[in-house]
Amino acid sequence: MRLVFGMAGIGTSVWAIIIPAAKIRFQLDDATLGAILFIGGTGGLLAMPLAGVAIARWGSRRVLSMTGVGVAGLLPALTLVPNTLGFTVCLFLYGWVFGMLETSMNAQGAVVERRSGRLRMSGFHACFSLGGLGVALASAGLLRLGLTPAGCAGVSAAVILLILTQTGQLIGKAGDTRPEGRHWAWPNRAALVLGACCFACFMTEGAATDWSTIFLHFSRGLSFAAATLGYAAFAVSMTIARLFGDAVATRLGQPWLMRLGTLLALLGFGLIIFVPRGAVDVLGFGLVGLGTGNIIPLVFSAAARVPGMQAHQAVPVVVGLGYAGFLVGPVMIGLVANHLGLGTALGVDAALLAATLLAARAVA
């Protein structure tokens, strides 16, 4: 299961090579690239309602395996398509299959956690983060050695296919979902509350991914190289938090870990917004990653236990709302920043994240 989450991390991180390469190859301006990325994210969002139906029908293991093959096939295609239209279509399809993969992966993880009788979701998501960090470092080395972006995508695809050969060890349909009930159901209040928490956390992750370097460079005056340390601090701290998250949650309880994480993230946002010193702001982004790192695993784990809904019904709702946060959040931050400044926009993100304090009992 850990390998599967690491595989998904690879599928996310390799975008750091594919997207800049496409911008250069097709000579895209920022507005056009932003629109294309939005279309790709929309593919993932549209896949969510169908993911639960597919999982109920075939089981999360089979859906995970099929969509993993799709991810592996589309990664090289994204670097080889000859024009902007082809790239946009491929990116939409990639968003679609990756959305299905992420939903089935978390559904399988919830089943494994339930059957083991102990908390494991934070550890799984730590492997997701480690997979992303590992492929980022490996790709940087391969590019330095002269490999093309297409070659890096091909290597990543080969690693994904190699990991997929081990999915036979996962839990099949017989132990995956309960046969009774409908394949799809309207989300109840508990699922929507968890989805709102997921939206806020994914929005924060999107803000750190898309805006941390820009904020530190243009608002705090750091060099571009130094400004990238903000996201590095966020990503590394998030990984560390997830490595120890299950043990801490077992000791303190899931609600208290969620409260503690939210408070740490808010402290980080406070440093970022109110202390205009580059080094302090890098520390702030690290605290945001440390605080939010375990909230998403806690929420996904709780989604599989929503009263009145089966896991294959509730998990796609929560993951889908999270996807919406990652997709829409950075766009919202850009619109607010354009009128009120990037610091104020990050404050809006912090305010939304603060609301998760009120919902901490939902992850019990």
Protein backbone atom coordinates (compact mmCIF):
# COMPACT_ATOMS: atom_id res chain seq x y z
CA MET A 1 0.00 0.00 0.00
CA ARG A 2 2.88 2.32 0.76
CA LEU A 3 4.30 1.71 -2.71
CA VAL A 4 0.96 2.69 -4.27
CA PHE A 5 0.90 6.02 -2.43
CA GLY A 6 4.52 6.60 -3.43
CA MET A 7 3.51 5.88 -7.03
CA ALA A 8 0.85 8.61 -6.85
CA GLY A 9 3.47 11.01 -5.48
CA ILE A 10 5.59 10.28 -8.55
CA GLY A 11 2.61 11.03 -10.81
CA THR A 12 2.20 14.43 -9.15
CA SER A 13 5.81 15.53 -8.84
CA VAL A 14 6.77 14.83 -12.45
CA TRP A 15 4.45 17.72 -13.38
CA ALA A 16 7.22 20.03 -12.18
CA ILE A 17 9.12 19.00 -15.32
CA ILE A 18 6.27 18.51 -17.79
CA ILE A 19 4.50 21.84 -17.24
CA PRO A 20 7.53 24.18 -17.64
CA ALA A 21 8.68 22.13 -20.64
CA ALA A 22 5.26 22.55 -22.26
CA LYS A 23 5.26 26.28 -21.59
CA ILE A 24 8.59 26.61 -23.38
CA ARG A 25 7.81 24.17 -26.20
CA PHE A 26 4.45 25.71 -27.11
CA GLN A 27 5.45 29.29 -26.15
CA LEU A 28 2.48 29.67 -23.82
CA ASP A 29 1.85 32.84 -21.87
CA ASP A 30 0.88 32.63 -18.20
CA ALA A 31 -2.83 33.18 -18.83
CA THR A 32 -3.03 30.42 -21.44
CA LEU A 33 -1.03 28.01 -19.30
CA GLY A 34 -3.27 28.78 -16.33
CA ALA A 35 -6.37 28.03 -18.41
CA ILE A 36 -4.90 24.72 -19.61
CA LEU A 37 -4.01 23.71 -16.05
CA PHE A 38 -7.54 24.56 -14.98
CA ILE A 39 -8.89 22.23 -17.68
CA GLY A 40 -6.61 19.46 -16.41
CA GLY A 41 -7.84 19.95 -12.85
CA THR A 42 -11.43 19.96 -14.07
CA GLY A 43 -10.86 16.49 -15.52
CA GLY A 44 -9.94 15.26 -12.06
CA LEU A 45 -12.92 16.95 -10.48
CA LEU A 46 -15.36 15.44 -13.01
CA ALA A 47 -13.94 11.97 -12.38
CA MET A 48 -14.85 11.98 -8.68
CA PRO A 49 -18.59 11.19 -8.92
CA LEU A 50 -17.85 8.22 -11.19
CA ALA A 51 -15.03 6.95 -8.99
CA GLY A 52 -17.39 5.74 -6.28
CA VAL A 53 -19.55 3.92 -8.82
CA ALA A 54 -16.48 2.24 -10.35
CA ILE A 55 -15.14 1.21 -6.94
CA ALA A 56 -18.51 -0.24 -5.91
CA ARG A 57 -18.72 -2.23 -9.13
CA TRP A 58 -15.14 -3.49 -9.55
CA GLY A 59 -13.43 -2.79 -6.22
CA SER A 60 -10.75 -0.21 -5.46
CA ARG A 61 -7.88 -2.58 -6.33
CA ARG A 62 -9.01 -3.05 -9.93
CA VAL A 63 -9.83 0.66 -10.41
CA LEU A 64 -6.45 1.58 -8.93
CA SER A 65 -4.63 -0.79 -11.27
CA MET A 66 -6.46 0.37 -14.42
CA THR A 67 -6.05 4.08 -13.72
CA GLY A 68 -2.41 3.57 -12.71
CA VAL A 69 -1.73 2.17 -16.19
CA GLY A 70 -3.50 5.22 -17.64
CA VAL A 71 -1.29 7.58 -15.62
CA ALA A 72 1.85 5.76 -16.76
CA GLY A 73 0.76 5.94 -20.40
CA LEU A 74 -0.21 9.60 -20.36
CA LEU A 75 2.96 10.92 -18.70
CA PRO A 76 5.18 10.37 -21.78
CA ALA A 77 2.31 11.42 -24.07
CA LEU A 78 2.21 14.83 -22.37
CA THR A 79 5.81 15.44 -23.42
CA LEU A 80 5.40 14.17 -26.99
CA VAL A 81 2.12 15.67 -28.28
CA PRO A 82 2.83 18.04 -31.18
CA ASN A 83 0.57 20.98 -30.38
CA THR A 84 -1.27 22.91 -27.68
CA LEU A 85 -4.63 21.26 -28.40
CA GLY A 86 -3.17 17.79 -28.03
CA PHE A 87 -1.46 18.80 -24.79
CA THR A 88 -4.72 20.20 -23.40
CA VAL A 89 -6.66 17.03 -24.27
CA CYS A 90 -3.96 14.82 -22.74
CA LEU A 91 -3.88 16.96 -19.60
CA PHE A 92 -7.66 16.68 -19.23
CA LEU A 93 -7.42 12.90 -19.58
CA TYR A 94 -4.52 12.82 -17.13
CA GLY A 95 -6.54 14.80 -14.60
CA TRP A 96 -9.42 12.37 -15.11
CA VAL A 97 -7.44 9.16 -14.55
CA PHE A 98 -5.39 10.65 -11.72
CA GLY A 99 -8.57 11.74 -9.94
CA MET A 100 -9.87 8.17 -10.22
CA LEU A 101 -6.50 6.85 -9.02
CA GLU A 102 -6.42 9.11 -5.98
CA THR A 103 -9.97 8.23 -4.98
CA SER A 104 -9.45 4.47 -5.33
CA MET A 105 -6.08 4.70 -3.59
CA ASN A 106 -7.55 6.42 -0.54
CA ALA A 107 -10.52 4.04 -0.51
CA GLN A 108 -8.12 1.08 -0.50
CA GLY A 109 -6.02 2.75 2.20
CA ALA A 110 -9.11 3.21 4.37
CA VAL A 111 -9.98 -0.49 4.00
CA VAL A 112 -6.43 -1.55 4.91
CA GLU A 113 -6.49 0.77 7.92
CA ARG A 114 -9.87 -0.56 9.08
CA ARG A 115 -8.81 -4.18 8.74
CA SER A 116 -5.51 -3.58 10.57
CA GLY A 117 -7.28 -2.03 13.56
CA ARG A 118 -4.81 0.85 13.89
CA LEU A 119 -4.16 4.25 12.35
CA ARG A 120 -2.12 4.05 9.14
CA MET A 121 -3.35 6.78 6.79
CA SER A 122 -0.75 9.41 7.75
CA GLY A 123 1.99 6.89 7.03
CA PHE A 124 0.49 6.17 3.63
CA HIS A 125 0.40 9.86 2.79
CA ALA A 126 3.98 10.21 4.01
CA CYS A 127 4.90 7.73 1.27
CA PHE A 128 3.01 9.94 -1.20
CA SER A 129 5.17 12.89 -0.12
CA LEU A 130 8.37 10.81 -0.19
CA GLY A 131 7.55 9.59 -3.70
CA GLY A 132 7.13 13.17 -4.87
CA LEU A 133 10.34 14.38 -3.22
CA GLY A 134 12.26 11.37 -4.52
CA VAL A 135 11.25 11.82 -8.13
CA ALA A 136 11.93 15.56 -7.93
CA LEU A 137 15.52 14.92 -6.80
CA ALA A 138 16.01 12.07 -9.29
CA SER A 139 14.63 14.12 -12.18
CA ALA A 140 16.90 17.05 -11.33
CA GLY A 141 19.87 14.69 -11.49
CA LEU A 142 18.72 13.09 -14.75
CA LEU A 143 18.18 16.49 -16.38
CA ARG A 144 21.65 17.54 -15.28
CA LEU A 145 23.02 14.41 -16.96
CA GLY A 146 21.34 15.44 -20.21
CA LEU A 147 18.12 13.42 -20.21
CA THR A 148 15.18 15.21 -21.85
CA PRO A 149 11.85 15.92 -20.09
CA ALA A 150 10.34 13.16 -22.24
CA GLY A 151 13.01 10.78 -20.98
CA CYS A 152 12.33 11.74 -17.35
CA ALA A 153 8.60 11.16 -17.92
CA GLY A 154 9.39 7.77 -19.46
CA VAL A 155 11.51 6.76 -16.46
CA SER A 156 8.70 7.83 -14.09
CA ALA A 157 6.17 5.86 -16.13
CA ALA A 158 8.37 2.76 -15.99
CA VAL A 159 8.64 3.04 -12.19
CA ILE A 160 4.85 3.38 -11.93
CA LEU A 161 4.30 0.26 -14.06
CA LEU A 162 6.83 -1.64 -11.95
CA ILE A 163 4.95 -0.70 -8.77
CA LEU A 164 1.63 -1.73 -10.36
CA THR A 165 2.93 -5.30 -10.65
CA GLN A 166 2.58 -5.50 -6.85
CA THR A 167 -1.11 -4.51 -6.67
CA GLY A 168 -2.12 -8.18 -6.53
CA GLN A 169 -1.23 -8.01 -2.83
CA LEU A 170 -3.93 -5.41 -2.18
CA ILE A 171 -7.42 -6.20 -0.92
CA GLY A 172 -9.81 -7.35 -3.63
CA LYS A 173 -13.47 -6.53 -4.07
CA ALA A 174 -14.71 -9.25 -1.72
CA GLY A 175 -13.10 -7.51 1.25
CA ASP A 176 -13.19 -4.01 -0.20
CA THR A 177 -16.79 -2.83 -0.20
CA ARG A 178 -20.01 -4.05 1.34
CA PRO A 179 -22.40 -5.29 -1.36
CA GLU A 180 -25.53 -3.75 0.10
CA GLY A 181 -26.65 -0.22 -0.76
CA ARG A 182 -26.46 1.98 -3.79
CA HIS A 183 -23.29 2.72 -5.72
CA TRP A 184 -23.82 6.46 -5.27
CA ALA A 185 -25.60 8.57 -2.65
CA TRP A 186 -26.15 12.25 -1.93
CA PRO A 187 -23.58 13.42 0.65
CA ASN A 188 -24.88 13.92 4.15
CA ARG A 189 -23.87 16.66 6.59
CA ALA A 190 -20.94 14.70 8.05
CA ALA A 191 -19.44 14.07 4.60
CA LEU A 192 -19.83 17.74 3.64
CA VAL A 193 -18.12 18.90 6.84
CA LEU A 194 -15.16 16.62 6.14
CA GLY A 195 -15.16 17.79 2.52
CA ALA A 196 -15.03 21.43 3.65
CA CYS A 197 -12.01 20.64 5.82
CA CYS A 198 -10.39 18.90 2.87
CA PHE A 199 -11.15 21.92 0.65
CA ALA A 200 -9.37 24.27 3.10
CA CYS A 201 -6.31 22.02 3.41
CA PHE A 202 -5.96 21.41 -0.33
CA MET A 203 -6.37 25.14 -0.90
CA THR A 204 -3.49 25.74 1.51
CA GLU A 205 -1.36 23.15 -0.28
CA GLY A 206 -2.17 24.76 -3.62
CA ALA A 207 -1.29 28.18 -2.22
CA ALA A 208 2.10 26.94 -1.00
CA THR A 209 2.77 25.18 -4.30
CA ASP A 210 1.78 28.05 -6.59
CA TRP A 211 2.38 31.20 -4.55
CA SER A 212 5.09 30.68 -1.91
CA THR A 213 7.99 31.37 -4.28
CA ILE A 214 6.21 34.35 -5.81
CA PHE A 215 5.44 35.80 -2.36
CA LEU A 216 8.99 35.43 -1.06
CA HIS A 217 10.54 36.81 -4.24
CA PHE A 218 8.28 39.76 -4.99
CA SER A 219 6.91 40.65 -1.54
CA ARG A 220 9.94 39.85 0.62
CA GLY A 221 12.73 40.55 -1.84
CA LEU A 222 14.48 37.17 -1.74
CA SER A 223 16.38 35.98 -4.79
CA PHE A 224 14.51 33.48 -6.92
CA ALA A 225 16.76 30.64 -5.74
CA ALA A 226 16.26 31.55 -2.08
CA ALA A 227 12.52 32.05 -2.59
CA THR A 228 12.11 28.41 -3.60
CA LEU A 229 13.10 27.46 -0.04
CA GLY A 230 9.58 28.40 1.07
CA TYR A 231 7.99 25.52 -0.81
CA ALA A 232 10.89 23.22 0.07
CA ALA A 233 10.31 23.94 3.77
CA PHE A 234 6.58 23.33 3.33
CA ALA A 235 7.03 20.00 1.50
CA VAL A 236 9.73 18.60 3.80
CA SER A 237 7.85 19.60 6.96
CA MET A 238 4.66 18.04 5.62
CA THR A 239 6.52 14.79 4.96
CA ILE A 240 8.02 14.75 8.46
CA ALA A 241 4.61 15.40 10.02
CA ARG A 242 3.09 12.47 8.15
CA LEU A 243 5.89 10.09 9.07
CA PHE A 244 5.03 10.53 12.77
CA GLY A 245 1.33 11.35 12.39
CA ASP A 246 -0.13 7.92 13.11
CA ALA A 247 1.84 7.57 16.35
CA VAL A 248 0.90 11.06 17.52
CA ALA A 249 -2.76 10.54 16.62
CA THR A 250 -2.81 7.26 18.55
CA ARG A 251 -1.36 9.01 21.61
CA LEU A 252 -3.35 12.27 21.52
CA GLY A 253 -6.44 11.24 19.54
CA GLN A 254 -7.37 12.34 16.02
CA PRO A 255 -9.34 15.48 17.01
CA TRP A 256 -6.49 16.82 19.15
CA LEU A 257 -3.93 16.18 16.43
CA MET A 258 -6.15 18.07 13.99
CA ARG A 259 -6.49 21.01 16.41
CA LEU A 260 -2.76 21.07 17.10
CA GLY A 261 -1.98 20.93 13.39
CA THR A 262 -4.37 23.76 12.58
CA LEU A 263 -2.88 25.95 15.32
CA LEU A 264 0.67 25.30 14.04
CA ALA A 265 -0.42 26.19 10.50
CA LEU A 266 -2.08 29.39 11.69
CA LEU A 267 1.09 30.32 13.58
CA GLY A 268 3.00 29.81 10.33
CA PHE A 269 0.57 32.02 8.43
CA GLY A 270 0.95 34.67 11.13
CA LEU A 271 4.72 34.72 10.62
CA ILE A 272 4.34 34.85 6.84
CA ILE A 273 1.84 37.70 6.82
CA PHE A 274 3.00 39.88 9.73
CA VAL A 275 6.79 39.40 9.92
CA PRO A 276 8.42 40.85 6.77
CA ARG A 277 11.68 38.92 7.03
CA GLY A 278 12.53 36.32 4.43
CA ALA A 279 14.10 33.73 6.76
CA VAL A 280 11.18 33.98 9.20
CA ASP A 281 8.70 33.59 6.36
CA VAL A 282 10.46 30.44 5.12
CA LEU A 283 10.07 29.11 8.67
CA GLY A 284 6.40 30.12 8.46
CA PHE A 285 5.84 28.00 5.35
CA GLY A 286 7.56 25.13 7.14
CA LEU A 287 5.11 25.46 10.05
CA VAL A 288 2.18 25.51 7.63
CA GLY A 289 3.38 22.22 6.12
CA LEU A 290 4.02 20.72 9.55
CA GLY A 291 0.54 21.70 10.71
CA THR A 292 -1.52 20.69 7.68
CA GLY A 293 0.43 17.51 6.89
CA ASN A 294 -1.77 15.21 8.95
CA ILE A 295 -5.14 16.92 8.52
CA ILE A 296 -5.82 15.45 5.07
CA PRO A 297 -4.97 11.86 6.11
CA LEU A 298 -7.19 12.25 9.19
CA VAL A 299 -10.05 13.55 7.04
CA PHE A 300 -9.71 10.77 4.44
CA SER A 301 -9.64 8.17 7.19
CA ALA A 302 -12.77 9.66 8.77
CA ALA A 303 -14.51 9.75 5.37
CA ALA A 304 -14.51 5.95 5.31
CA ARG A 305 -16.41 5.95 8.62
CA VAL A 306 -19.12 8.53 7.85
CA PRO A 307 -22.39 7.41 9.50
CA GLY A 308 -25.12 6.65 6.98
CA MET A 309 -22.77 6.35 3.98
CA GLN A 310 -20.52 3.57 2.73
CA ALA A 311 -16.84 4.28 2.13
CA HIS A 312 -17.18 4.13 -1.67
CA GLN A 313 -19.92 6.79 -1.41
CA ALA A 314 -18.30 9.18 1.07
CA VAL A 315 -14.62 9.07 0.04
CA PRO A 316 -15.19 10.44 -3.52
CA VAL A 317 -17.22 13.34 -2.06
CA VAL A 318 -14.44 14.32 0.35
CA VAL A 319 -11.63 13.82 -2.19
CA GLY A 320 -13.64 15.73 -4.81
CA LEU A 321 -14.12 18.75 -2.55
CA GLY A 322 -10.41 18.61 -1.78
CA TYR A 323 -9.63 18.61 -5.48
CA ALA A 324 -11.90 21.63 -5.88
CA GLY A 325 -9.87 23.44 -3.21
CA PHE A 326 -6.60 22.67 -4.96
CA LEU A 327 -8.08 23.74 -8.30
CA VAL A 328 -10.05 26.83 -7.33
CA GLY A 329 -8.05 27.98 -4.29
CA PRO A 330 -4.92 29.27 -6.03
CA VAL A 331 -7.13 31.06 -8.59
CA MET A 332 -9.06 32.73 -5.76
CA ILE A 333 -5.80 33.76 -4.12
CA GLY A 334 -4.65 35.30 -7.39
CA LEU A 335 -7.86 37.31 -7.75
CA VAL A 336 -7.70 38.60 -4.17
CA ALA A 337 -3.97 39.34 -4.47
CA ASN A 338 -4.58 41.36 -7.63
CA HIS A 339 -6.82 43.77 -5.70
CA LEU A 340 -5.67 43.60 -2.07
CA GLY A 341 -2.16 42.14 -2.15
CA LEU A 342 -0.78 38.64 -1.78
CA GLY A 343 -0.41 38.94 1.99
CA THR A 344 -4.15 39.62 2.35
CA ALA A 345 -4.95 36.73 0.01
CA LEU A 346 -2.91 34.35 2.17
CA GLY A 347 -4.82 35.71 5.16
CA VAL A 348 -8.08 34.63 3.51
CA ASP A 349 -6.63 31.14 3.13
CA ALA A 350 -5.65 31.16 6.82
CA ALA A 351 -9.17 32.20 7.82
CA LEU A 352 -10.69 29.28 5.92
CA LEU A 353 -8.19 26.91 7.48
CA ALA A 354 -9.05 28.23 10.96
CA ALA A 355 -12.60 26.95 10.47
CA THR A 356 -11.27 23.38 10.63
CA LEU A 357 -10.81 23.93 14.38
CA LEU A 358 -14.59 23.87 14.69
CA ALA A 359 -14.81 20.56 12.84
CA ALA A 360 -12.04 18.68 14.60
CA ARG A 361 -14.49 16.34 16.35
CA ALA A 362 -15.60 15.09 12.90
CA VAL A 363 -12.40 13.02 12.55
CA ALA A 364 -12.91 11.09 15.81
